[in-house]
Amino acid sequence: MTKPTTAEAFAEAMYQEKEHYLAEIQSPCSQSDAAELIRQMDLTPPQHAQLAQLLDTALTDMLSTLLYGLDGAATIGSLPQQSWRICDENGQTLAECGELEAAAYARFHGNA
């Protein structure tokens, strides 16, 4: 039996997914549609740096808000604000109310 995932580990996994995606779409070897669109923009190095910062900020905002929403601290789209129960395949709850929001804030906006 595997050890249950913690709120901190879940937030870290989401952060690492964001970092991986940003690296992938900025790679000259990437075959993703987003990477191709970026290449077609033919940006100067300063423009590319600005785009990278914009994408990082947008994804940070979106993913942290999604995690806050799952914890009940924000709305997700048009759904009413509510806490969601996230469980692993063994039925173990990921976190108690407030833990995922705190972990997401620490990882995405804190000094983690």
PDB file of N, CA and C in Angstrom:
ATOM      1  N   MET A   1       0.851  -1.185   0.000  1.00  0.00           N
ATOM      2  CA  MET A   1       0.000   0.000   0.000  1.00  0.00           C
ATOM      3  C   MET A   1       0.891   1.240   0.000  1.00  0.00           C
ATOM      4  N   THR A   2       0.581   2.187  -0.875  1.00  0.00           N
ATOM      5  CA  THR A   2       1.390   3.388  -0.963  1.00  0.00           C
ATOM      6  C   THR A   2       0.967   4.403   0.086  1.00  0.00           C
ATOM      7  N   LYS A   3       1.892   5.263   0.425  1.00  0.00           N
ATOM      8  CA  LYS A   3       1.640   6.321   1.391  1.00  0.00           C
ATOM      9  C   LYS A   3       0.670   7.343   0.780  1.00  0.00           C
ATOM     10  N   PRO A   4      -0.326   7.803   1.537  1.00  0.00           N
ATOM     11  CA  PRO A   4      -1.269   8.782   0.998  1.00  0.00           C
ATOM     12  C   PRO A   4      -0.555  10.073   0.586  1.00  0.00           C
ATOM     13  N   THR A   5      -1.031  10.680  -0.481  1.00  0.00           N
ATOM     14  CA  THR A   5      -0.493  11.947  -0.940  1.00  0.00           C
ATOM     15  C   THR A   5      -0.942  13.049   0.004  1.00  0.00           C
ATOM     16  N   THR A   6      -0.048  13.972   0.297  1.00  0.00           N
ATOM     17  CA  THR A   6      -0.386  15.111   1.152  1.00  0.00           C
ATOM     18  C   THR A   6      -0.771  16.312   0.290  1.00  0.00           C
ATOM     19  N   ALA A   7      -1.358  17.304   0.920  1.00  0.00           N
ATOM     20  CA  ALA A   7      -1.696  18.544   0.218  1.00  0.00           C
ATOM     21  C   ALA A   7      -0.435  19.177  -0.352  1.00  0.00           C
ATOM     22  N   GLU A   8       0.646  19.139   0.394  1.00  0.00           N
ATOM     23  CA  GLU A   8       1.915  19.715  -0.071  1.00  0.00           C
ATOM     24  C   GLU A   8       2.437  18.980  -1.298  1.00  0.00           C
ATOM     25  N   ALA A   9       2.356  17.655  -1.278  1.00  0.00           N
ATOM     26  CA  ALA A   9       2.823  16.861  -2.421  1.00  0.00           C
ATOM     27  C   ALA A   9       1.944  17.109  -3.647  1.00  0.00           C
ATOM     28  N   PHE A  10       0.639  17.278  -3.441  1.00  0.00           N
ATOM     29  CA  PHE A  10      -0.278  17.540  -4.546  1.00  0.00           C
ATOM     30  C   PHE A  10       0.016  18.907  -5.164  1.00  0.00           C
ATOM     31  N   ALA A  11       0.200  19.916  -4.325  1.00  0.00           N
ATOM     32  CA  ALA A  11       0.533  21.260  -4.819  1.00  0.00           C
ATOM     33  C   ALA A  11       1.879  21.239  -5.535  1.00  0.00           C
ATOM     34  N   GLU A  12       2.835  20.516  -4.997  1.00  0.00           N
ATOM     35  CA  GLU A  12       4.155  20.399  -5.637  1.00  0.00           C
ATOM     36  C   GLU A  12       4.035  19.724  -6.996  1.00  0.00           C
ATOM     37  N   ALA A  13       3.227  18.686  -7.096  1.00  0.00           N
ATOM     38  CA  ALA A  13       3.046  18.002  -8.380  1.00  0.00           C
ATOM     39  C   ALA A  13       2.425  18.944  -9.411  1.00  0.00           C
ATOM     40  N   MET A  14       1.460  19.749  -9.003  1.00  0.00           N
ATOM     41  CA  MET A  14       0.856  20.720  -9.914  1.00  0.00           C
ATOM     42  C   MET A  14       1.887  21.766 -10.341  1.00  0.00           C
ATOM     43  N   TYR A  15       2.703  22.208  -9.415  1.00  0.00           N
ATOM     44  CA  TYR A  15       3.755  23.186  -9.732  1.00  0.00           C
ATOM     45  C   TYR A  15       4.757  22.588 -10.721  1.00  0.00           C
ATOM     46  N   GLN A  16       5.172  21.359 -10.475  1.00  0.00           N
ATOM     47  CA  GLN A  16       6.122  20.699 -11.376  1.00  0.00           C
ATOM     48  C   GLN A  16       5.510  20.492 -12.757  1.00  0.00           C
ATOM     49  N   GLU A  17       4.223  20.207 -12.824  1.00  0.00           N
ATOM     50  CA  GLU A  17       3.536  20.069 -14.110  1.00  0.00           C
ATOM     51  C   GLU A  17       3.570  21.390 -14.875  1.00  0.00           C
ATOM     52  N   LYS A  18       3.338  22.487 -14.155  1.00  0.00           N
ATOM     53  CA  LYS A  18       3.419  23.817 -14.778  1.00  0.00           C
ATOM     54  C   LYS A  18       4.814  24.072 -15.320  1.00  0.00           C
ATOM     55  N   GLU A  19       5.826  23.788 -14.524  1.00  0.00           N
ATOM     56  CA  GLU A  19       7.213  24.011 -14.941  1.00  0.00           C
ATOM     57  C   GLU A  19       7.562  23.144 -16.162  1.00  0.00           C
ATOM     58  N   HIS A  20       7.128  21.903 -16.149  1.00  0.00           N
ATOM     59  CA  HIS A  20       7.381  21.004 -17.275  1.00  0.00           C
ATOM     60  C   HIS A  20       6.703  21.529 -18.539  1.00  0.00           C
ATOM     61  N   TYR A  21       5.476  21.955 -18.416  1.00  0.00           N
ATOM     62  CA  TYR A  21       4.737  22.462 -19.570  1.00  0.00           C
ATOM     63  C   TYR A  21       5.396  23.716 -20.131  1.00  0.00           C
ATOM     64  N   LEU A  22       5.793  24.633 -19.257  1.00  0.00           N
ATOM     65  CA  LEU A  22       6.469  25.846 -19.726  1.00  0.00           C
ATOM     66  C   LEU A  22       7.760  25.516 -20.468  1.00  0.00           C
ATOM     67  N   ALA A  23       8.528  24.591 -19.933  1.00  0.00           N
ATOM     68  CA  ALA A  23       9.765  24.186 -20.603  1.00  0.00           C
ATOM     69  C   ALA A  23       9.466  23.532 -21.947  1.00  0.00           C
ATOM     70  N   GLU A  24       8.439  22.704 -21.984  1.00  0.00           N
ATOM     71  CA  GLU A  24       8.079  22.002 -23.219  1.00  0.00           C
ATOM     72  C   GLU A  24       7.671  22.967 -24.319  1.00  0.00           C
ATOM     73  N   ILE A  25       6.810  23.932 -24.014  1.00  0.00           N
ATOM     74  CA  ILE A  25       6.327  24.809 -25.081  1.00  0.00           C
ATOM     75  C   ILE A  25       7.375  25.832 -25.519  1.00  0.00           C
ATOM     76  N   GLN A  26       8.434  25.989 -24.733  1.00  0.00           N
ATOM     77  CA  GLN A  26       9.499  26.910 -25.116  1.00  0.00           C
ATOM     78  C   GLN A  26      10.690  26.193 -25.752  1.00  0.00           C
ATOM     79  N   SER A  27      10.622  24.890 -25.814  1.00  0.00           N
ATOM     80  CA  SER A  27      11.706  24.112 -26.407  1.00  0.00           C
ATOM     81  C   SER A  27      11.650  24.201 -27.932  1.00  0.00           C
ATOM     82  N   PRO A  28      12.793  24.454 -28.572  1.00  0.00           N
ATOM     83  CA  PRO A  28      12.797  24.494 -30.041  1.00  0.00           C
ATOM     84  C   PRO A  28      12.499  23.132 -30.662  1.00  0.00           C
ATOM     85  N   CYS A  29      12.628  22.076 -29.910  1.00  0.00           N
ATOM     86  CA  CYS A  29      12.378  20.718 -30.415  1.00  0.00           C
ATOM     87  C   CYS A  29      10.946  20.244 -30.176  1.00  0.00           C
ATOM     88  N   SER A  30      10.172  21.019 -29.435  1.00  0.00           N
ATOM     89  CA  SER A  30       8.817  20.590 -29.071  1.00  0.00           C
ATOM     90  C   SER A  30       7.929  20.465 -30.293  1.00  0.00           C
ATOM     91  N   GLN A  31       7.089  19.446 -30.274  1.00  0.00           N
ATOM     92  CA  GLN A  31       6.119  19.220 -31.342  1.00  0.00           C
ATOM     93  C   GLN A  31       4.724  19.712 -30.960  1.00  0.00           C
ATOM     94  N   SER A  32       4.601  20.383 -29.807  1.00  0.00           N
ATOM     95  CA  SER A  32       3.277  20.819 -29.353  1.00  0.00           C
ATOM     96  C   SER A  32       2.765  21.979 -30.205  1.00  0.00           C
ATOM     97  N   ASP A  33       1.458  22.082 -30.260  1.00  0.00           N
ATOM     98  CA  ASP A  33       0.836  23.170 -31.004  1.00  0.00           C
ATOM     99  C   ASP A  33       1.219  24.529 -30.418  1.00  0.00           C
ATOM    100  N   ALA A  34       1.266  24.621 -29.099  1.00  0.00           N
ATOM    101  CA  ALA A  34       1.625  25.887 -28.458  1.00  0.00           C
ATOM    102  C   ALA A  34       3.049  26.294 -28.817  1.00  0.00           C
ATOM    103  N   ALA A  35       3.975  25.337 -28.821  1.00  0.00           N
ATOM    104  CA  ALA A  35       5.361  25.636 -29.190  1.00  0.00           C
ATOM    105  C   ALA A  35       5.447  26.128 -30.633  1.00  0.00           C
ATOM    106  N   GLU A  36       4.684  25.519 -31.503  1.00  0.00           N
ATOM    107  CA  GLU A  36       4.681  25.948 -32.910  1.00  0.00           C
ATOM    108  C   GLU A  36       4.152  27.370 -33.037  1.00  0.00           C
ATOM    109  N   LEU A  37       3.116  27.698 -32.315  1.00  0.00           N
ATOM    110  CA  LEU A  37       2.593  29.071 -32.350  1.00  0.00           C
ATOM    111  C   LEU A  37       3.622  30.076 -31.843  1.00  0.00           C
ATOM    112  N   ILE A  38       4.339  29.712 -30.799  1.00  0.00           N
ATOM    113  CA  ILE A  38       5.390  30.590 -30.272  1.00  0.00           C
ATOM    114  C   ILE A  38       6.481  30.781 -31.322  1.00  0.00           C
ATOM    115  N   ARG A  39       6.899  29.698 -31.971  1.00  0.00           N
ATOM    116  CA  ARG A  39       7.930  29.817 -33.014  1.00  0.00           C
ATOM    117  C   ARG A  39       7.458  30.721 -34.154  1.00  0.00           C
ATOM    118  N   GLN A  40       6.194  30.619 -34.518  1.00  0.00           N
ATOM    119  CA  GLN A  40       5.653  31.435 -35.606  1.00  0.00           C
ATOM    120  C   GLN A  40       5.641  32.924 -35.262  1.00  0.00           C
ATOM    121  N   MET A  41       5.682  33.247 -33.982  1.00  0.00           N
ATOM    122  CA  MET A  41       5.697  34.650 -33.566  1.00  0.00           C
ATOM    123  C   MET A  41       7.029  35.313 -33.890  1.00  0.00           C
ATOM    124  N   ASP A  42       8.090  34.529 -34.058  1.00  0.00           N
ATOM    125  CA  ASP A  42       9.424  35.033 -34.403  1.00  0.00           C
ATOM    126  C   ASP A  42       9.847  36.186 -33.476  1.00  0.00           C
ATOM    127  N   LEU A  43       9.822  35.919 -32.199  1.00  0.00           N
ATOM    128  CA  LEU A  43      10.102  36.928 -31.187  1.00  0.00           C
ATOM    129  C   LEU A  43      11.588  37.216 -31.042  1.00  0.00           C
ATOM    130  N   THR A  44      11.908  38.427 -30.655  1.00  0.00           N
ATOM    131  CA  THR A  44      13.276  38.769 -30.276  1.00  0.00           C
ATOM    132  C   THR A  44      13.535  38.155 -28.897  1.00  0.00           C
ATOM    133  N   PRO A  45      14.784  38.011 -28.470  1.00  0.00           N
ATOM    134  CA  PRO A  45      15.036  37.474 -27.124  1.00  0.00           C
ATOM    135  C   PRO A  45      14.314  38.234 -26.004  1.00  0.00           C
ATOM    136  N   PRO A  46      14.305  39.583 -26.009  1.00  0.00           N
ATOM    137  CA  PRO A  46      13.548  40.263 -24.940  1.00  0.00           C
ATOM    138  C   PRO A  46      12.043  39.976 -25.006  1.00  0.00           C
ATOM    139  N   GLN A  47      11.506  39.886 -26.200  1.00  0.00           N
ATOM    140  CA  GLN A  47      10.084  39.563 -26.339  1.00  0.00           C
ATOM    141  C   GLN A  47       9.795  38.140 -25.869  1.00  0.00           C
ATOM    142  N   HIS A  48      10.706  37.231 -26.187  1.00  0.00           N
ATOM    143  CA  HIS A  48      10.530  35.844 -25.746  1.00  0.00           C
ATOM    144  C   HIS A  48      10.550  35.763 -24.225  1.00  0.00           C
ATOM    145  N   ALA A  49      11.453  36.521 -23.594  1.00  0.00           N
ATOM    146  CA  ALA A  49      11.512  36.542 -22.130  1.00  0.00           C
ATOM    147  C   ALA A  49      10.226  37.106 -21.544  1.00  0.00           C
ATOM    148  N   GLN A  50       9.684  38.129 -22.180  1.00  0.00           N
ATOM    149  CA  GLN A  50       8.438  38.725 -21.711  1.00  0.00           C
ATOM    150  C   GLN A  50       7.277  37.745 -21.865  1.00  0.00           C
ATOM    151  N   LEU A  51       7.236  37.043 -22.991  1.00  0.00           N
ATOM    152  CA  LEU A  51       6.194  36.035 -23.199  1.00  0.00           C
ATOM    153  C   LEU A  51       6.314  34.920 -22.162  1.00  0.00           C
ATOM    154  N   ALA A  52       7.530  34.472 -21.900  1.00  0.00           N
ATOM    155  CA  ALA A  52       7.742  33.412 -20.910  1.00  0.00           C
ATOM    156  C   ALA A  52       7.238  33.859 -19.541  1.00  0.00           C
ATOM    157  N   GLN A  53       7.510  35.108 -19.176  1.00  0.00           N
ATOM    158  CA  GLN A  53       7.039  35.627 -17.887  1.00  0.00           C
ATOM    159  C   GLN A  53       5.514  35.700 -17.862  1.00  0.00           C
ATOM    160  N   LEU A  54       4.913  36.133 -18.956  1.00  0.00           N
ATOM    161  CA  LEU A  54       3.460  36.209 -19.047  1.00  0.00           C
ATOM    162  C   LEU A  54       2.841  34.818 -18.892  1.00  0.00           C
ATOM    163  N   LEU A  55       3.371  33.835 -19.621  1.00  0.00           N
ATOM    164  CA  LEU A  55       2.835  32.473 -19.540  1.00  0.00           C
ATOM    165  C   LEU A  55       2.989  31.899 -18.139  1.00  0.00           C
ATOM    166  N   ASP A  56       4.141  32.125 -17.521  1.00  0.00           N
ATOM    167  CA  ASP A  56       4.374  31.633 -16.164  1.00  0.00           C
ATOM    168  C   ASP A  56       3.372  32.252 -15.192  1.00  0.00           C
ATOM    169  N   THR A  57       3.164  33.546 -15.301  1.00  0.00           N
ATOM    170  CA  THR A  57       2.232  34.233 -14.415  1.00  0.00           C
ATOM    171  C   THR A  57       0.808  33.744 -14.633  1.00  0.00           C
ATOM    172  N   ALA A  58       0.394  33.608 -15.886  1.00  0.00           N
ATOM    173  CA  ALA A  58      -0.965  33.162 -16.192  1.00  0.00           C
ATOM    174  C   ALA A  58      -1.208  31.742 -15.688  1.00  0.00           C
ATOM    175  N   LEU A  59      -0.245  30.841 -15.918  1.00  0.00           N
ATOM    176  CA  LEU A  59      -0.417  29.465 -15.454  1.00  0.00           C
ATOM    177  C   LEU A  59      -0.378  29.369 -13.933  1.00  0.00           C
ATOM    178  N   THR A  60       0.460  30.171 -13.299  1.00  0.00           N
ATOM    179  CA  THR A  60       0.498  30.207 -11.836  1.00  0.00           C
ATOM    180  C   THR A  60      -0.844  30.647 -11.290  1.00  0.00           C
ATOM    181  N   ASP A  61      -1.394  31.726 -11.853  1.00  0.00           N
ATOM    182  CA  ASP A  61      -2.698  32.219 -11.398  1.00  0.00           C
ATOM    183  C   ASP A  61      -3.780  31.168 -11.604  1.00  0.00           C
ATOM    184  N   MET A  62      -3.804  30.550 -12.783  1.00  0.00           N
ATOM    185  CA  MET A  62      -4.847  29.584 -13.103  1.00  0.00           C
ATOM    186  C   MET A  62      -4.755  28.336 -12.226  1.00  0.00           C
ATOM    187  N   LEU A  63      -3.562  27.777 -12.094  1.00  0.00           N
ATOM    188  CA  LEU A  63      -3.428  26.545 -11.318  1.00  0.00           C
ATOM    189  C   LEU A  63      -3.630  26.775  -9.826  1.00  0.00           C
ATOM    190  N   SER A  64      -3.105  27.873  -9.302  1.00  0.00           N
ATOM    191  CA  SER A  64      -3.312  28.123  -7.875  1.00  0.00           C
ATOM    192  C   SER A  64      -4.785  28.390  -7.598  1.00  0.00           C
ATOM    193  N   THR A  65      -5.476  29.108  -8.484  1.00  0.00           N
ATOM    194  CA  THR A  65      -6.911  29.338  -8.301  1.00  0.00           C
ATOM    195  C   THR A  65      -7.686  28.027  -8.364  1.00  0.00           C
ATOM    196  N   LEU A  66      -7.307  27.134  -9.260  1.00  0.00           N
ATOM    197  CA  LEU A  66      -7.951  25.824  -9.333  1.00  0.00           C
ATOM    198  C   LEU A  66      -7.769  25.061  -8.020  1.00  0.00           C
ATOM    199  N   LEU A  67      -6.559  25.076  -7.485  1.00  0.00           N
ATOM    200  CA  LEU A  67      -6.316  24.390  -6.210  1.00  0.00           C
ATOM    201  C   LEU A  67      -7.091  25.060  -5.078  1.00  0.00           C
ATOM    202  N   TYR A  68      -7.143  26.393  -5.057  1.00  0.00           N
ATOM    203  CA  TYR A  68      -7.941  27.086  -4.047  1.00  0.00           C
ATOM    204  C   TYR A  68      -9.401  26.671  -4.184  1.00  0.00           C
ATOM    205  N   GLY A  69      -9.888  26.575  -5.427  1.00  0.00           N
ATOM    206  CA  GLY A  69     -11.272  26.184  -5.663  1.00  0.00           C
ATOM    207  C   GLY A  69     -11.575  24.792  -5.177  1.00  0.00           C
ATOM    208  N   LEU A  70     -10.651  23.879  -5.391  1.00  0.00           N
ATOM    209  CA  LEU A  70     -10.846  22.512  -4.902  1.00  0.00           C
ATOM    210  C   LEU A  70     -10.925  22.472  -3.383  1.00  0.00           C
ATOM    211  N   ASP A  71     -10.249  23.427  -2.742  1.00  0.00           N
ATOM    212  CA  ASP A  71     -10.251  23.479  -1.281  1.00  0.00           C
ATOM    213  C   ASP A  71     -11.431  24.279  -0.732  1.00  0.00           C
ATOM    214  N   GLY A  72     -12.199  24.923  -1.622  1.00  0.00           N
ATOM    215  CA  GLY A  72     -13.345  25.689  -1.176  1.00  0.00           C
ATOM    216  C   GLY A  72     -13.059  27.149  -0.915  1.00  0.00           C
ATOM    217  N   ALA A  73     -11.873  27.619  -1.265  1.00  0.00           N
ATOM    218  CA  ALA A  73     -11.493  29.003  -1.000  1.00  0.00           C
ATOM    219  C   ALA A  73     -11.731  29.918  -2.201  1.00  0.00           C
ATOM    220  N   ALA A  74     -12.177  29.376  -3.329  1.00  0.00           N
ATOM    221  CA  ALA A  74     -12.455  30.156  -4.533  1.00  0.00           C
ATOM    222  C   ALA A  74     -13.480  29.395  -5.368  1.00  0.00           C
ATOM    223  N   THR A  75     -14.093  30.104  -6.298  1.00  0.00           N
ATOM    224  CA  THR A  75     -15.001  29.430  -7.218  1.00  0.00           C
ATOM    225  C   THR A  75     -14.191  28.813  -8.352  1.00  0.00           C
ATOM    226  N   ILE A  76     -14.760  27.814  -8.978  1.00  0.00           N
ATOM    227  CA  ILE A  76     -14.184  27.219 -10.181  1.00  0.00           C
ATOM    228  C   ILE A  76     -15.207  27.457 -11.281  1.00  0.00           C
ATOM    229  N   GLY A  77     -14.868  28.359 -12.187  1.00  0.00           N
ATOM    230  CA  GLY A  77     -15.800  28.697 -13.258  1.00  0.00           C
ATOM    231  C   GLY A  77     -17.116  29.182 -12.694  1.00  0.00           C
ATOM    232  N   SER A  78     -18.202  28.618 -13.188  1.00  0.00           N
ATOM    233  CA  SER A  78     -19.533  29.034 -12.738  1.00  0.00           C
ATOM    234  C   SER A  78     -20.067  28.172 -11.600  1.00  0.00           C
ATOM    235  N   LEU A  79     -19.254  27.240 -11.110  1.00  0.00           N
ATOM    236  CA  LEU A  79     -19.699  26.406  -9.987  1.00  0.00           C
ATOM    237  C   LEU A  79     -19.750  27.228  -8.716  1.00  0.00           C
ATOM    238  N   PRO A  80     -20.686  26.927  -7.845  1.00  0.00           N
ATOM    239  CA  PRO A  80     -20.712  27.658  -6.567  1.00  0.00           C
ATOM    240  C   PRO A  80     -19.474  27.309  -5.739  1.00  0.00           C
ATOM    241  N   GLN A  81     -19.029  28.265  -4.944  1.00  0.00           N
ATOM    242  CA  GLN A  81     -17.875  28.021  -4.087  1.00  0.00           C
ATOM    243  C   GLN A  81     -18.239  26.951  -3.076  1.00  0.00           C
ATOM    244  N   GLN A  82     -17.436  25.894  -3.037  1.00  0.00           N
ATOM    245  CA  GLN A  82     -17.673  24.778  -2.125  1.00  0.00           C
ATOM    246  C   GLN A  82     -16.388  23.983  -1.969  1.00  0.00           C
ATOM    247  N   SER A  83     -16.281  23.247  -0.909  1.00  0.00           N
ATOM    248  CA  SER A  83     -15.142  22.361  -0.710  1.00  0.00           C
ATOM    249  C   SER A  83     -15.376  21.064  -1.471  1.00  0.00           C
ATOM    250  N   TRP A  84     -14.325  20.544  -2.051  1.00  0.00           N
ATOM    251  CA  TRP A  84     -14.387  19.281  -2.773  1.00  0.00           C
ATOM    252  C   TRP A  84     -13.551  18.258  -2.018  1.00  0.00           C
ATOM    253  N   ARG A  85     -13.987  17.045  -2.013  1.00  0.00           N
ATOM    254  CA  ARG A  85     -13.243  15.967  -1.362  1.00  0.00           C
ATOM    255  C   ARG A  85     -12.447  15.246  -2.434  1.00  0.00           C
ATOM    256  N   ILE A  86     -11.133  15.297  -2.334  1.00  0.00           N
ATOM    257  CA  ILE A  86     -10.246  14.628  -3.281  1.00  0.00           C
ATOM    258  C   ILE A  86      -9.665  13.416  -2.581  1.00  0.00           C
ATOM    259  N   CYS A  87      -9.890  12.251  -3.171  1.00  0.00           N
ATOM    260  CA  CYS A  87      -9.451  10.995  -2.564  1.00  0.00           C
ATOM    261  C   CYS A  87      -8.549  10.234  -3.526  1.00  0.00           C
ATOM    262  N   ASP A  88      -7.654   9.430  -2.960  1.00  0.00           N
ATOM    263  CA  ASP A  88      -6.865   8.539  -3.801  1.00  0.00           C
ATOM    264  C   ASP A  88      -7.673   7.279  -4.091  1.00  0.00           C
ATOM    265  N   GLU A  89      -7.094   6.350  -4.802  1.00  0.00           N
ATOM    266  CA  GLU A  89      -7.840   5.152  -5.190  1.00  0.00           C
ATOM    267  C   GLU A  89      -8.200   4.260  -4.007  1.00  0.00           C
ATOM    268  N   ASN A  90      -7.568   4.488  -2.852  1.00  0.00           N
ATOM    269  CA  ASN A  90      -7.890   3.731  -1.643  1.00  0.00           C
ATOM    270  C   ASN A  90      -8.915   4.444  -0.770  1.00  0.00           C
ATOM    271  N   GLY A  91      -9.413   5.585  -1.256  1.00  0.00           N
ATOM    272  CA  GLY A  91     -10.406   6.328  -0.493  1.00  0.00           C
ATOM    273  C   GLY A  91      -9.823   7.272   0.547  1.00  0.00           C
ATOM    274  N   GLN A  92      -8.504   7.408   0.586  1.00  0.00           N
ATOM    275  CA  GLN A  92      -7.866   8.310   1.537  1.00  0.00           C
ATOM    276  C   GLN A  92      -8.026   9.754   1.053  1.00  0.00           C
ATOM    277  N   THR A  93      -8.526  10.613   1.922  1.00  0.00           N
ATOM    278  CA  THR A  93      -8.727  12.018   1.583  1.00  0.00           C
ATOM    279  C   THR A  93      -7.378  12.718   1.492  1.00  0.00           C
ATOM    280  N   LEU A  94      -7.226  13.521   0.452  1.00  0.00           N
ATOM    281  CA  LEU A  94      -5.984  14.249   0.222  1.00  0.00           C
ATOM    282  C   LEU A  94      -5.681  15.221   1.346  1.00  0.00           C
ATOM    283  N   ALA A  95      -6.672  16.022   1.717  1.00  0.00           N
ATOM    284  CA  ALA A  95      -6.417  17.064   2.710  1.00  0.00           C
ATOM    285  C   ALA A  95      -7.716  17.479   3.379  1.00  0.00           C
ATOM    286  N   GLU A  96      -7.578  18.029   4.556  1.00  0.00           N
ATOM    287  CA  GLU A  96      -8.719  18.623   5.252  1.00  0.00           C
ATOM    288  C   GLU A  96      -8.913  20.035   4.705  1.00  0.00           C
ATOM    289  N   CYS A  97     -10.069  20.595   4.949  1.00  0.00           N
ATOM    290  CA  CYS A  97     -10.399  21.930   4.456  1.00  0.00           C
ATOM    291  C   CYS A  97      -9.338  22.949   4.904  1.00  0.00           C
ATOM    292  N   GLY A  98      -8.828  23.691   3.957  1.00  0.00           N
ATOM    293  CA  GLY A  98      -7.814  24.713   4.236  1.00  0.00           C
ATOM    294  C   GLY A  98      -6.395  24.268   3.959  1.00  0.00           C
ATOM    295  N   GLU A  99      -6.144  22.963   3.986  1.00  0.00           N
ATOM    296  CA  GLU A  99      -4.775  22.474   3.797  1.00  0.00           C
ATOM    297  C   GLU A  99      -4.284  22.625   2.358  1.00  0.00           C
ATOM    298  N   LEU A 100      -5.149  22.357   1.384  1.00  0.00           N
ATOM    299  CA  LEU A 100      -4.735  22.460  -0.011  1.00  0.00           C
ATOM    300  C   LEU A 100      -4.520  23.924  -0.400  1.00  0.00           C
ATOM    301  N   GLU A 101      -5.392  24.793   0.067  1.00  0.00           N
ATOM    302  CA  GLU A 101      -5.216  26.227  -0.202  1.00  0.00           C
ATOM    303  C   GLU A 101      -3.879  26.705   0.350  1.00  0.00           C
ATOM    304  N   ALA A 102      -3.574  26.346   1.582  1.00  0.00           N
ATOM    305  CA  ALA A 102      -2.318  26.773   2.204  1.00  0.00           C
ATOM    306  C   ALA A 102      -1.109  26.206   1.463  1.00  0.00           C
ATOM    307  N   ALA A 103      -1.181  24.942   1.092  1.00  0.00           N
ATOM    308  CA  ALA A 103      -0.067  24.312   0.370  1.00  0.00           C
ATOM    309  C   ALA A 103       0.116  24.935  -1.007  1.00  0.00           C
ATOM    310  N   ALA A 104      -0.995  25.223  -1.696  1.00  0.00           N
ATOM    311  CA  ALA A 104      -0.919  25.836  -3.022  1.00  0.00           C
ATOM    312  C   ALA A 104      -0.334  27.244  -2.923  1.00  0.00           C
ATOM    313  N   TYR A 105      -0.776  28.005  -1.951  1.00  0.00           N
ATOM    314  CA  TYR A 105      -0.247  29.361  -1.795  1.00  0.00           C
ATOM    315  C   TYR A 105       1.256  29.303  -1.509  1.00  0.00           C
ATOM    316  N   ALA A 106       1.649  28.428  -0.599  1.00  0.00           N
ATOM    317  CA  ALA A 106       3.069  28.329  -0.252  1.00  0.00           C
ATOM    318  C   ALA A 106       3.913  27.954  -1.461  1.00  0.00           C
ATOM    319  N   ARG A 107       3.440  27.029  -2.285  1.00  0.00           N
ATOM    320  CA  ARG A 107       4.243  26.547  -3.424  1.00  0.00           C
ATOM    321  C   ARG A 107       4.230  27.514  -4.590  1.00  0.00           C
ATOM    322  N   PHE A 108       3.082  28.087  -4.896  1.00  0.00           N
ATOM    323  CA  PHE A 108       2.975  28.952  -6.063  1.00  0.00           C
ATOM    324  C   PHE A 108       3.318  30.411  -5.783  1.00  0.00           C
ATOM    325  N   HIS A 109       3.109  30.875  -4.556  1.00  0.00           N
ATOM    326  CA  HIS A 109       3.302  32.287  -4.258  1.00  0.00           C
ATOM    327  C   HIS A 109       4.248  32.551  -3.102  1.00  0.00           C
ATOM    328  N   GLY A 110       4.611  31.512  -2.370  1.00  0.00           N
ATOM    329  CA  GLY A 110       5.469  31.686  -1.215  1.00  0.00           C
ATOM    330  C   GLY A 110       6.927  31.510  -1.570  1.00  0.00           C
ATOM    331  N   ASN A 111       7.685  31.166  -0.587  1.00  0.00           N
ATOM    332  CA  ASN A 111       9.125  30.993  -0.764  1.00  0.00           C
ATOM    333  C   ASN A 111       9.500  29.525  -0.766  1.00  0.00           C
ATOM    334  N   ALA A 112       8.667  28.705  -1.390  1.00  0.00           N
ATOM    335  CA  ALA A 112       8.919  27.249  -1.413  1.00  0.00           C
ATOM    336  C   ALA A 112      10.058  26.917  -2.343  1.00  0.00           C
TER     337      ALA A 112
END
